[in-house]
Amino acid sequence: MAVILFNLDFLTITRFFDGQDGCVLVFLTMTMNNTTKSIILGCSAVAASVASASAEIQTEINTGYHSIYEFRGVDFGDNLVTTSIDASTEIAPGLSLSAGVWYGDSNSNNSNRHFEELDLYFSLTKSYERFDVSVGYTHYGFIGGLSENNTSEWFIGASTDLGRGVGLSLNFYRDLDAFEGSYIEAEFTKSYTAFDNVAIDLAAGISYSDGYNSDTNGRSLNGLNSYYISASSPWEIGKGVVMTPYLKFVVADSELASGEDGESNNLLLGGVSFSYAF
């Protein structure tokens, strides 16, 4: 029994139950340049009744304000307001599918005019005993006469929980349309409880650009992109409603055109988000 879980013109995700072997297979099928390739993303031995059962869908709505629209080390505007809806479900034991929509509206700065952005994305995550592996796709859409900047990317990443609130992750992103560059980011996280049961989440990361961002001379940057540190504190302010203020400091490599003036500038930003999960 085959069930199509996700479908675009060039990409399809299908779940197939093999009754003979009692195995749920999940296929990722991509068609590019008139060539079709299929990859088995997961196989789990389960009973047929479990495979055909409707999985629970978890949904989260998020809205927030950010003093700077910082994306991968670069300042794209001021006073960013965002709204997103995300949904996830387990499609086989240890294999989950997530999808979402993200909308952003930011003010202009010296190098970027006011624009609106609408992104669509999905990912598949396979959980193993000690780590998770994810693959996914994002389409970046720009509204208001900026559709020529539309682009898309795929990514693959791995993360692990080292215990005591410590996590590590490594992600690789590849642009498919605008400039065919790659971006790599490694992140270390630490979560703990301080004061009177106040949760604090810390993160530190480093990133590398392979033709992804631009350097201060207007050419493609091939090398170190930026470092960053951030701190956030989630507060449950109502049933299922969480408020999370944060601060982030980005240290740009001397060659990265990170600032609104096209120069290499460090960025200090902050904001707050509100989320509701159901």
Protein backbone atom coordinates (compact mmCIF):
# COMPACT_ATOMS: atom_id res chain seq x y z
CA MET A 1 0.00 0.00 0.00
CA ALA A 2 1.51 3.31 -1.12
CA VAL A 3 0.57 6.74 0.31
CA ILE A 4 1.89 10.03 -1.12
CA LEU A 5 2.89 12.21 1.83
CA PHE A 6 4.28 15.24 -0.04
CA ASN A 7 4.30 16.22 -3.70
CA LEU A 8 5.87 18.96 -5.82
CA ASP A 9 6.57 19.03 -9.55
CA PHE A 10 10.08 17.67 -9.00
CA LEU A 11 9.89 16.01 -5.59
CA THR A 12 7.63 13.35 -4.06
CA ILE A 13 7.68 11.62 -0.67
CA THR A 14 5.88 8.27 -0.58
CA ARG A 15 5.23 5.82 2.26
CA PHE A 16 4.97 2.18 1.18
CA PHE A 17 4.02 -0.76 3.38
CA ASP A 18 5.58 -4.06 2.37
CA GLY A 19 3.17 -6.65 3.72
CA GLN A 20 5.50 -9.56 3.01
CA ASP A 21 8.40 -8.22 5.08
CA GLY A 22 6.27 -6.19 7.50
CA CYS A 23 8.32 -3.09 6.72
CA VAL A 24 7.38 0.57 6.21
CA LEU A 25 9.55 2.16 3.49
CA VAL A 26 9.72 5.91 2.90
CA PHE A 27 10.98 7.00 -0.53
CA LEU A 28 12.27 10.43 -1.56
CA THR A 29 11.95 10.77 -5.37
CA MET A 30 13.58 13.74 -7.13
CA THR A 31 13.42 14.61 -10.83
CA MET A 32 16.06 17.00 -12.18
CA ASN A 33 17.39 17.46 -15.70
CA ASN A 34 15.05 14.70 -16.93
CA THR A 35 16.64 12.23 -14.48
CA THR A 36 14.67 10.59 -11.68
CA LYS A 37 16.32 9.27 -8.52
CA SER A 38 14.72 7.52 -5.55
CA ILE A 39 16.25 7.23 -2.09
CA ILE A 40 15.02 5.01 0.74
CA LEU A 41 14.81 7.33 3.75
CA GLY A 42 13.56 4.84 6.30
CA CYS A 43 12.50 1.27 6.91
CA SER A 44 10.85 0.10 10.10
CA ALA A 45 9.31 -3.24 10.95
CA VAL A 46 5.80 -2.64 12.21
CA ALA A 47 2.43 -4.30 12.10
CA ALA A 48 0.19 -3.46 9.16
CA SER A 49 -2.45 -1.99 11.44
CA VAL A 50 0.11 0.44 12.88
CA ALA A 51 1.41 1.43 9.45
CA SER A 52 -2.03 2.36 8.22
CA ALA A 53 -3.15 4.13 11.37
CA SER A 54 -3.47 7.91 11.36
CA ALA A 55 -0.51 9.49 13.13
CA GLU A 56 -0.96 12.36 15.55
CA ILE A 57 -0.11 15.77 14.08
CA GLN A 58 1.61 18.29 16.35
CA THR A 59 1.19 21.95 15.39
CA GLU A 60 2.86 25.15 16.57
CA ILE A 61 2.01 28.78 15.76
CA ASN A 62 4.74 31.37 16.30
CA THR A 63 4.95 35.14 16.00
CA GLY A 64 7.81 37.43 16.91
CA TYR A 65 9.71 40.71 16.66
CA HIS A 66 13.42 41.00 15.83
CA SER A 67 15.42 44.23 15.90
CA ILE A 68 17.46 43.14 12.85
CA TYR A 69 16.64 40.66 10.10
CA GLU A 70 19.86 38.69 10.45
CA PHE A 71 20.15 35.64 8.22
CA ARG A 72 23.30 33.54 8.22
CA GLY A 73 25.46 36.39 9.42
CA VAL A 74 24.10 39.14 7.12
CA ASP A 75 21.90 42.17 7.96
CA PHE A 76 18.88 42.24 5.60
CA GLY A 77 16.81 44.95 7.31
CA ASP A 78 15.44 46.34 10.55
CA ASN A 79 12.39 45.67 12.73
CA LEU A 80 11.49 42.25 11.39
CA VAL A 81 8.03 40.90 12.32
CA THR A 82 7.47 37.19 11.69
CA THR A 83 4.65 34.65 11.80
CA SER A 84 4.94 30.92 11.17
CA ILE A 85 2.92 27.72 11.35
CA ASP A 86 4.68 24.37 11.72
CA ALA A 87 3.29 20.84 11.78
CA SER A 88 4.99 17.50 12.38
CA THR A 89 3.96 13.87 12.54
CA GLU A 90 5.60 10.45 12.83
CA ILE A 91 5.14 8.59 9.54
CA ALA A 92 7.02 5.46 10.67
CA PRO A 93 8.70 4.45 13.93
CA GLY A 94 11.64 6.80 14.42
CA LEU A 95 10.88 8.76 11.23
CA SER A 96 9.03 12.10 11.34
CA LEU A 97 7.85 14.54 8.69
CA SER A 98 7.70 18.29 9.38
CA ALA A 99 6.39 21.12 7.21
CA GLY A 100 5.68 24.78 7.68
CA VAL A 101 5.07 28.28 6.37
CA TRP A 102 7.05 31.36 7.47
CA TYR A 103 6.13 35.01 6.77
CA GLY A 104 8.37 37.99 7.46
CA ASP A 105 7.96 41.76 7.03
CA SER A 106 11.01 43.97 7.62
CA ASN A 107 11.78 47.66 7.30
CA SER A 108 14.41 49.02 4.92
CA ASN A 109 17.97 49.93 5.85
CA ASN A 110 20.84 51.52 3.88
CA SER A 111 21.23 48.56 1.51
CA ASN A 112 17.84 46.81 1.52
CA ARG A 113 14.41 48.28 0.83
CA HIS A 114 11.28 47.18 2.69
CA PHE A 115 10.19 43.72 1.60
CA GLU A 116 7.94 40.85 2.57
CA GLU A 117 8.97 37.20 2.44
CA LEU A 118 6.97 33.96 2.38
CA ASP A 119 8.88 30.69 2.84
CA LEU A 120 7.64 27.12 2.50
CA TYR A 121 9.64 24.23 3.91
CA PHE A 122 9.58 20.58 4.90
CA SER A 123 12.01 18.10 6.43
CA LEU A 124 12.32 14.43 7.28
CA THR A 125 14.09 13.38 10.47
CA LYS A 126 15.30 9.88 11.29
CA SER A 127 16.04 9.27 14.96
CA TYR A 128 18.69 6.79 16.00
CA GLU A 129 19.82 5.83 19.48
CA ARG A 130 22.46 8.55 19.83
CA PHE A 131 21.72 11.06 17.07
CA ASP A 132 19.18 12.39 14.56
CA VAL A 133 19.64 12.88 10.81
CA SER A 134 17.48 15.31 8.82
CA VAL A 135 17.02 16.19 5.15
CA GLY A 136 14.81 18.98 3.89
CA TYR A 137 13.84 21.59 1.35
CA THR A 138 13.00 25.31 1.61
CA HIS A 139 11.50 27.67 -0.97
CA TYR A 140 12.18 31.38 -0.32
CA GLY A 141 9.54 33.63 -1.91
CA PHE A 142 9.65 37.44 -1.98
CA ILE A 143 6.56 39.62 -2.33
CA GLY A 144 6.18 43.08 -3.84
CA GLY A 145 8.14 43.16 -7.09
CA LEU A 146 11.04 41.10 -5.76
CA SER A 147 10.06 37.72 -7.18
CA GLU A 148 13.27 37.66 -9.24
CA ASN A 149 15.04 36.97 -5.93
CA ASN A 150 13.02 33.81 -5.27
CA THR A 151 15.20 30.78 -4.62
CA SER A 152 15.19 27.36 -3.00
CA GLU A 153 17.62 25.09 -1.20
CA TRP A 154 17.99 21.60 0.19
CA PHE A 155 19.80 20.68 3.37
CA ILE A 156 21.10 17.74 5.33
CA GLY A 157 22.02 17.82 9.00
CA ALA A 158 22.85 15.75 12.06
CA SER A 159 22.39 16.49 15.75
CA THR A 160 23.09 14.71 19.01
CA ASP A 161 22.24 15.11 22.69
CA LEU A 162 25.33 14.68 24.85
CA GLY A 163 23.36 14.78 28.09
CA ARG A 164 23.10 17.36 30.87
CA GLY A 165 21.48 19.82 28.49
CA VAL A 166 24.36 19.83 25.99
CA GLY A 167 23.74 19.41 22.26
CA LEU A 168 25.77 19.49 19.04
CA SER A 169 24.58 19.92 15.46
CA LEU A 170 26.07 20.22 11.97
CA ASN A 171 24.05 21.37 8.93
CA PHE A 172 24.86 21.71 5.22
CA TYR A 173 22.70 23.91 2.94
CA ARG A 174 22.88 24.07 -0.85
CA ASP A 175 21.16 26.78 -2.91
CA LEU A 176 19.46 25.47 -6.06
CA ASP A 177 18.48 28.60 -8.01
CA ALA A 178 19.95 32.00 -7.17
CA PHE A 179 23.68 31.38 -6.94
CA GLU A 180 24.26 27.66 -6.33
CA GLY A 181 26.40 28.27 -3.27
CA SER A 182 26.72 26.24 -0.08
CA TYR A 183 26.56 27.19 3.59
CA ILE A 184 27.78 25.05 6.51
CA GLU A 185 27.04 25.71 10.17
CA ALA A 186 28.07 23.93 13.37
CA GLU A 187 26.36 24.76 16.67
CA PHE A 188 26.89 23.96 20.35
CA THR A 189 23.93 24.39 22.73
CA LYS A 190 23.56 24.30 26.50
CA SER A 191 20.26 24.43 28.40
CA TYR A 192 20.00 24.78 32.15
CA THR A 193 17.79 26.13 34.91
CA ALA A 194 18.91 29.12 36.96
CA PHE A 195 17.54 31.31 39.72
CA ASP A 196 13.96 30.30 40.60
CA ASN A 197 13.27 27.68 37.89
CA VAL A 198 14.17 30.09 35.05
CA ALA A 199 15.14 28.21 31.89
CA ILE A 200 18.12 29.57 29.95
CA ASP A 201 19.20 28.33 26.52
CA LEU A 202 22.69 29.23 25.29
CA ALA A 203 24.11 28.65 21.82
CA ALA A 204 27.41 29.24 20.06
CA GLY A 205 28.13 28.56 16.42
CA ILE A 206 30.53 28.93 13.52
CA SER A 207 29.70 29.01 9.82
CA TYR A 208 31.45 28.66 6.47
CA SER A 209 30.47 30.09 3.07
CA ASP A 210 31.27 28.27 -0.17
CA GLY A 211 30.10 30.86 -2.69
CA TYR A 212 26.98 31.50 -0.60
CA ASN A 213 27.39 35.02 0.80
CA SER A 214 29.28 37.97 -0.70
CA ASP A 215 32.60 39.46 0.39
CA THR A 216 33.29 43.16 0.87
CA ASN A 217 34.46 43.44 -2.77
CA GLY A 218 31.14 42.14 -4.13
CA ARG A 219 32.50 38.72 -5.04
CA SER A 220 31.42 35.31 -3.72
CA LEU A 221 32.79 34.54 -0.27
CA ASN A 222 34.71 31.27 -0.03
CA GLY A 223 35.86 30.81 3.52
CA LEU A 224 34.91 31.53 7.10
CA ASN A 225 31.54 33.28 7.33
CA SER A 226 30.89 34.22 10.97
CA TYR A 227 30.76 33.22 14.63
CA TYR A 228 27.83 33.83 16.93
CA ILE A 229 26.60 33.46 20.49
CA SER A 230 23.01 33.74 21.71
CA ALA A 231 20.97 33.48 24.88
CA SER A 232 17.22 32.98 25.25
CA SER A 233 14.81 32.25 28.07
CA PRO A 234 11.44 30.56 27.39
CA TRP A 235 8.62 31.48 29.77
CA GLU A 236 5.25 29.74 29.82
CA ILE A 237 2.80 32.62 30.21
CA GLY A 238 -0.37 30.64 29.61
CA LYS A 239 -1.58 27.15 28.85
CA GLY A 240 0.48 26.11 25.84
CA VAL A 241 1.71 29.71 25.26
CA VAL A 242 5.46 30.37 25.58
CA MET A 243 7.21 33.76 25.43
CA THR A 244 10.91 33.66 24.52
CA PRO A 245 13.06 36.82 24.64
CA TYR A 246 16.57 36.52 23.20
CA LEU A 247 19.85 38.30 22.47
CA LYS A 248 22.34 37.39 19.75
CA PHE A 249 25.80 38.68 18.85
CA VAL A 250 27.32 37.86 15.45
CA VAL A 251 31.03 38.29 14.77
CA ALA A 252 31.53 38.59 11.01
CA ASP A 253 34.68 37.43 9.28
CA SER A 254 36.68 40.39 7.99
CA GLU A 255 35.81 39.40 4.38
CA LEU A 256 32.04 38.95 4.90
CA ALA A 257 29.80 41.78 3.68
CA SER A 258 27.54 41.51 6.70
CA GLY A 259 26.51 45.10 7.36
CA GLU A 260 23.86 47.25 5.72
CA ASP A 261 26.69 49.31 4.18
CA GLY A 262 28.22 46.27 2.50
CA GLU A 263 31.16 46.23 4.89
CA SER A 264 32.15 43.64 7.48
CA ASN A 265 30.26 44.65 10.62
CA ASN A 266 29.46 42.70 13.77
CA LEU A 267 25.75 42.53 14.61
CA LEU A 268 23.96 42.81 17.94
CA LEU A 269 20.26 42.00 17.83
CA GLY A 270 17.44 40.93 20.07
CA GLY A 271 13.77 40.24 20.09
CA VAL A 272 10.93 38.19 21.48
CA SER A 273 8.71 35.42 20.14
CA PHE A 274 5.40 33.95 21.24
CA SER A 275 4.48 30.36 20.43
CA TYR A 276 1.41 28.20 20.95
CA ALA A 277 1.61 24.43 20.53
CA PHE A 278 -1.34 22.05 20.19
